[in-house]
Amino acid sequence: MLALPEKGPVITGSKPRYQVGDHLKVNCTSGQSKPAAKLTWFVNGDPANAAFLKGPYEMETNNEMEVVSLGLEFKVRQKHFKKGDLKLKVLK
């Protein structure tokens, strides 16, 4: 069985702005699909450091579809900013 997600991934826990020293802790949860979606976090266009990732955690729903959750957590440092911005993005 092959089923694409009907909805895009949902990001939770993010703030509008971060400063050096903040604790960044966000999560991305995919829509239901079969097989499970593969999520990838990016920080300022670069793949996130694997040490910052929490998961992925796969869950099967009652209709045999799968949902994936992938967290990103790190202490914000000056190196995480490019031209004064810290941009987070997830690709599925």
N, C-alpha and C. Protein backbone atom coordinates (compact mmCIF):
# COMPACT_ATOMS: atom_id res chain seq x y z
N MET A 1 0.85 -1.18 0.00
CA MET A 1 0.00 0.00 0.00
C MET A 1 0.89 1.24 0.00
N LEU A 2 0.54 2.21 -0.78
CA LEU A 2 1.25 3.49 -0.84
C LEU A 2 0.22 4.59 -0.66
N ALA A 3 0.46 5.48 0.31
CA ALA A 3 -0.46 6.60 0.55
C ALA A 3 0.35 7.82 0.95
N LEU A 4 0.21 8.88 0.18
CA LEU A 4 0.90 10.13 0.49
C LEU A 4 0.14 10.89 1.57
N PRO A 5 0.85 11.73 2.36
CA PRO A 5 0.15 12.51 3.39
C PRO A 5 -0.81 13.51 2.75
N GLU A 6 -1.98 13.66 3.34
CA GLU A 6 -2.96 14.64 2.87
C GLU A 6 -2.60 16.04 3.35
N LYS A 7 -1.87 16.14 4.45
CA LYS A 7 -1.46 17.42 5.02
C LYS A 7 0.05 17.45 5.18
N GLY A 8 0.60 18.66 5.16
CA GLY A 8 2.04 18.83 5.37
C GLY A 8 2.41 18.63 6.82
N PRO A 9 3.70 18.62 7.11
CA PRO A 9 4.16 18.45 8.50
C PRO A 9 3.79 19.66 9.35
N VAL A 10 3.64 19.42 10.64
CA VAL A 10 3.28 20.47 11.60
C VAL A 10 4.46 20.68 12.55
N ILE A 11 4.91 21.93 12.66
CA ILE A 11 6.00 22.29 13.57
C ILE A 11 5.41 22.92 14.81
N THR A 12 5.83 22.43 15.98
CA THR A 12 5.36 22.99 17.25
C THR A 12 6.55 23.37 18.12
N GLY A 13 6.32 24.31 19.03
CA GLY A 13 7.32 24.69 20.01
C GLY A 13 8.23 25.83 19.59
N SER A 14 8.10 26.31 18.36
CA SER A 14 9.02 27.36 17.90
C SER A 14 8.58 28.73 18.39
N LYS A 15 9.55 29.61 18.54
CA LYS A 15 9.32 30.99 18.94
C LYS A 15 9.55 31.89 17.73
N PRO A 16 8.97 33.09 17.74
CA PRO A 16 9.21 33.99 16.60
C PRO A 16 10.66 34.45 16.51
N ARG A 17 11.35 34.55 17.66
CA ARG A 17 12.74 35.01 17.68
C ARG A 17 13.52 34.23 18.74
N TYR A 18 14.82 34.07 18.44
CA TYR A 18 15.74 33.44 19.39
C TYR A 18 16.94 34.35 19.59
N GLN A 19 17.55 34.22 20.77
CA GLN A 19 18.77 34.97 21.08
C GLN A 19 19.84 33.98 21.53
N VAL A 20 21.08 34.40 21.44
CA VAL A 20 22.19 33.58 21.92
C VAL A 20 21.92 33.21 23.37
N GLY A 21 22.06 31.94 23.69
CA GLY A 21 21.83 31.44 25.04
C GLY A 21 20.46 30.81 25.23
N ASP A 22 19.52 31.07 24.33
CA ASP A 22 18.19 30.45 24.42
C ASP A 22 18.29 28.94 24.21
N HIS A 23 17.34 28.22 24.78
CA HIS A 23 17.23 26.78 24.58
C HIS A 23 16.17 26.57 23.50
N LEU A 24 16.56 26.13 22.33
CA LEU A 24 15.64 25.89 21.23
C LEU A 24 15.17 24.44 21.33
N LYS A 25 13.86 24.25 21.34
CA LYS A 25 13.28 22.91 21.41
C LYS A 25 12.01 22.92 20.57
N VAL A 26 12.09 22.31 19.39
CA VAL A 26 10.96 22.27 18.47
C VAL A 26 10.70 20.83 18.04
N ASN A 27 9.52 20.60 17.50
CA ASN A 27 9.15 19.28 17.05
C ASN A 27 8.41 19.39 15.72
N CYS A 28 8.62 18.42 14.86
CA CYS A 28 7.89 18.34 13.60
C CYS A 28 7.20 16.98 13.55
N THR A 29 5.91 17.00 13.22
CA THR A 29 5.13 15.77 13.09
C THR A 29 4.55 15.71 11.69
N SER A 30 4.77 14.59 11.03
CA SER A 30 4.29 14.42 9.66
C SER A 30 2.80 14.14 9.64
N GLY A 31 2.22 14.27 8.45
CA GLY A 31 0.87 13.78 8.23
C GLY A 31 0.90 12.27 8.10
N GLN A 32 -0.27 11.65 8.12
CA GLN A 32 -0.35 10.20 7.98
C GLN A 32 0.04 9.79 6.57
N SER A 33 0.85 8.74 6.47
CA SER A 33 1.26 8.23 5.16
C SER A 33 1.64 6.76 5.29
N LYS A 34 1.87 6.14 4.15
CA LYS A 34 2.35 4.76 4.11
C LYS A 34 3.23 4.65 2.89
N PRO A 35 4.52 4.41 2.97
CA PRO A 35 5.29 4.25 4.21
C PRO A 35 5.45 5.59 4.93
N ALA A 36 6.09 5.51 6.09
CA ALA A 36 6.30 6.70 6.92
C ALA A 36 7.14 7.73 6.18
N ALA A 37 6.81 9.00 6.39
CA ALA A 37 7.59 10.10 5.80
C ALA A 37 8.98 10.13 6.43
N LYS A 38 9.93 10.65 5.69
CA LYS A 38 11.29 10.87 6.21
C LYS A 38 11.46 12.37 6.37
N LEU A 39 11.62 12.81 7.60
CA LEU A 39 11.75 14.24 7.91
C LEU A 39 13.21 14.61 8.09
N THR A 40 13.57 15.82 7.67
CA THR A 40 14.93 16.33 7.82
C THR A 40 14.88 17.78 8.26
N TRP A 41 15.51 18.10 9.39
CA TRP A 41 15.60 19.48 9.86
C TRP A 41 16.77 20.20 9.20
N PHE A 42 16.56 21.49 8.89
CA PHE A 42 17.61 22.35 8.37
C PHE A 42 17.68 23.61 9.23
N VAL A 43 18.90 24.06 9.51
CA VAL A 43 19.15 25.30 10.23
C VAL A 43 19.89 26.23 9.28
N ASN A 44 19.25 27.33 8.91
CA ASN A 44 19.84 28.27 7.94
C ASN A 44 20.25 27.59 6.63
N GLY A 45 19.45 26.64 6.17
CA GLY A 45 19.70 25.98 4.90
C GLY A 45 20.64 24.79 4.95
N ASP A 46 21.26 24.54 6.10
CA ASP A 46 22.17 23.41 6.25
C ASP A 46 21.50 22.31 7.07
N PRO A 47 21.75 21.03 6.74
CA PRO A 47 21.18 19.95 7.56
C PRO A 47 21.58 20.12 9.03
N ALA A 48 20.63 19.90 9.93
CA ALA A 48 20.90 20.04 11.36
C ALA A 48 21.90 19.00 11.83
N ASN A 49 22.71 19.38 12.80
CA ASN A 49 23.66 18.47 13.43
C ASN A 49 22.89 17.28 14.01
N ALA A 50 23.32 16.08 13.68
CA ALA A 50 22.63 14.87 14.14
C ALA A 50 22.53 14.79 15.66
N ALA A 51 23.47 15.39 16.37
CA ALA A 51 23.44 15.38 17.84
C ALA A 51 22.27 16.19 18.39
N PHE A 52 21.71 17.08 17.57
CA PHE A 52 20.59 17.93 18.00
C PHE A 52 19.23 17.28 17.76
N LEU A 53 19.21 16.16 17.04
CA LEU A 53 17.94 15.52 16.67
C LEU A 53 17.43 14.60 17.75
N LYS A 54 16.14 14.60 17.93
CA LYS A 54 15.45 13.71 18.87
C LYS A 54 14.48 12.87 18.06
N GLY A 55 14.83 11.60 17.85
CA GLY A 55 14.00 10.74 17.02
C GLY A 55 14.74 10.35 15.76
N PRO A 56 14.09 9.93 14.74
CA PRO A 56 12.64 10.00 14.52
C PRO A 56 11.88 8.91 15.28
N TYR A 57 10.66 9.25 15.63
CA TYR A 57 9.77 8.33 16.31
C TYR A 57 8.61 8.04 15.37
N GLU A 58 8.39 6.78 15.08
CA GLU A 58 7.31 6.38 14.18
C GLU A 58 6.17 5.79 14.99
N MET A 59 4.96 6.19 14.62
CA MET A 59 3.76 5.68 15.29
C MET A 59 2.79 5.19 14.22
N GLU A 60 2.19 4.06 14.46
CA GLU A 60 1.19 3.56 13.53
C GLU A 60 -0.19 3.97 14.03
N THR A 61 -1.02 4.45 13.13
CA THR A 61 -2.37 4.86 13.51
C THR A 61 -3.30 3.66 13.40
N ASN A 62 -4.54 3.85 13.81
CA ASN A 62 -5.49 2.74 13.80
C ASN A 62 -5.89 2.30 12.39
N ASN A 63 -5.55 3.09 11.36
CA ASN A 63 -5.88 2.69 9.99
C ASN A 63 -4.63 2.24 9.24
N GLU A 64 -3.60 1.80 9.99
CA GLU A 64 -2.34 1.27 9.45
C GLU A 64 -1.48 2.30 8.74
N MET A 65 -1.86 3.57 8.82
CA MET A 65 -1.02 4.64 8.30
C MET A 65 0.04 4.95 9.35
N GLU A 66 1.08 5.69 8.95
CA GLU A 66 2.16 5.99 9.88
C GLU A 66 2.35 7.50 10.02
N VAL A 67 2.72 7.89 11.22
CA VAL A 67 3.03 9.28 11.55
C VAL A 67 4.44 9.29 12.12
N VAL A 68 5.24 10.27 11.73
CA VAL A 68 6.62 10.37 12.21
C VAL A 68 6.79 11.70 12.94
N SER A 69 7.55 11.68 14.02
CA SER A 69 7.87 12.87 14.78
C SER A 69 9.38 12.99 14.88
N LEU A 70 9.91 14.20 14.62
CA LEU A 70 11.35 14.44 14.72
C LEU A 70 11.57 15.76 15.44
N GLY A 71 12.27 15.69 16.56
CA GLY A 71 12.56 16.88 17.35
C GLY A 71 13.93 17.47 17.03
N LEU A 72 14.08 18.73 17.38
CA LEU A 72 15.35 19.44 17.23
C LEU A 72 15.55 20.23 18.52
N GLU A 73 16.71 20.06 19.16
CA GLU A 73 16.94 20.70 20.45
C GLU A 73 18.42 21.06 20.59
N PHE A 74 18.67 22.34 20.90
CA PHE A 74 20.05 22.78 21.14
C PHE A 74 20.05 24.16 21.79
N LYS A 75 21.20 24.48 22.40
CA LYS A 75 21.40 25.81 22.96
C LYS A 75 21.86 26.72 21.83
N VAL A 76 21.17 27.82 21.65
CA VAL A 76 21.47 28.74 20.55
C VAL A 76 22.79 29.47 20.82
N ARG A 77 23.66 29.43 19.82
CA ARG A 77 24.96 30.10 19.90
C ARG A 77 25.07 31.06 18.72
N GLN A 78 26.05 31.94 18.80
CA GLN A 78 26.24 32.93 17.75
C GLN A 78 26.40 32.28 16.37
N LYS A 79 27.05 31.12 16.32
CA LYS A 79 27.30 30.43 15.05
C LYS A 79 26.00 29.97 14.36
N HIS A 80 24.89 29.93 15.09
CA HIS A 80 23.62 29.50 14.51
C HIS A 80 22.92 30.62 13.74
N PHE A 81 23.48 31.82 13.77
CA PHE A 81 22.88 32.95 13.07
C PHE A 81 23.65 33.25 11.78
N LYS A 82 22.91 33.53 10.72
CA LYS A 82 23.50 33.98 9.46
C LYS A 82 22.87 35.32 9.13
N LYS A 83 23.70 36.35 9.04
CA LYS A 83 23.22 37.70 8.78
C LYS A 83 22.13 38.10 9.79
N GLY A 84 22.33 37.68 11.03
CA GLY A 84 21.41 38.05 12.11
C GLY A 84 20.17 37.19 12.21
N ASP A 85 20.01 36.22 11.34
CA ASP A 85 18.81 35.38 11.34
C ASP A 85 19.13 33.94 11.70
N LEU A 86 18.15 33.30 12.33
CA LEU A 86 18.16 31.87 12.61
C LEU A 86 16.91 31.31 11.97
N LYS A 87 17.07 30.55 10.88
CA LYS A 87 15.92 30.02 10.16
C LYS A 87 15.87 28.51 10.28
N LEU A 88 14.70 28.00 10.64
CA LEU A 88 14.48 26.57 10.76
C LEU A 88 13.54 26.12 9.64
N LYS A 89 13.81 24.94 9.13
CA LYS A 89 12.98 24.40 8.04
C LYS A 89 13.00 22.89 8.12
N VAL A 90 11.90 22.26 7.71
CA VAL A 90 11.82 20.82 7.63
C VAL A 90 11.46 20.42 6.22
N LEU A 91 12.16 19.41 5.72
CA LEU A 91 11.79 18.82 4.43
C LEU A 91 11.28 17.43 4.69
N LYS A 92 10.29 17.04 3.92
CA LYS A 92 9.76 15.68 4.03
C LYS A 92 9.95 14.95 2.74
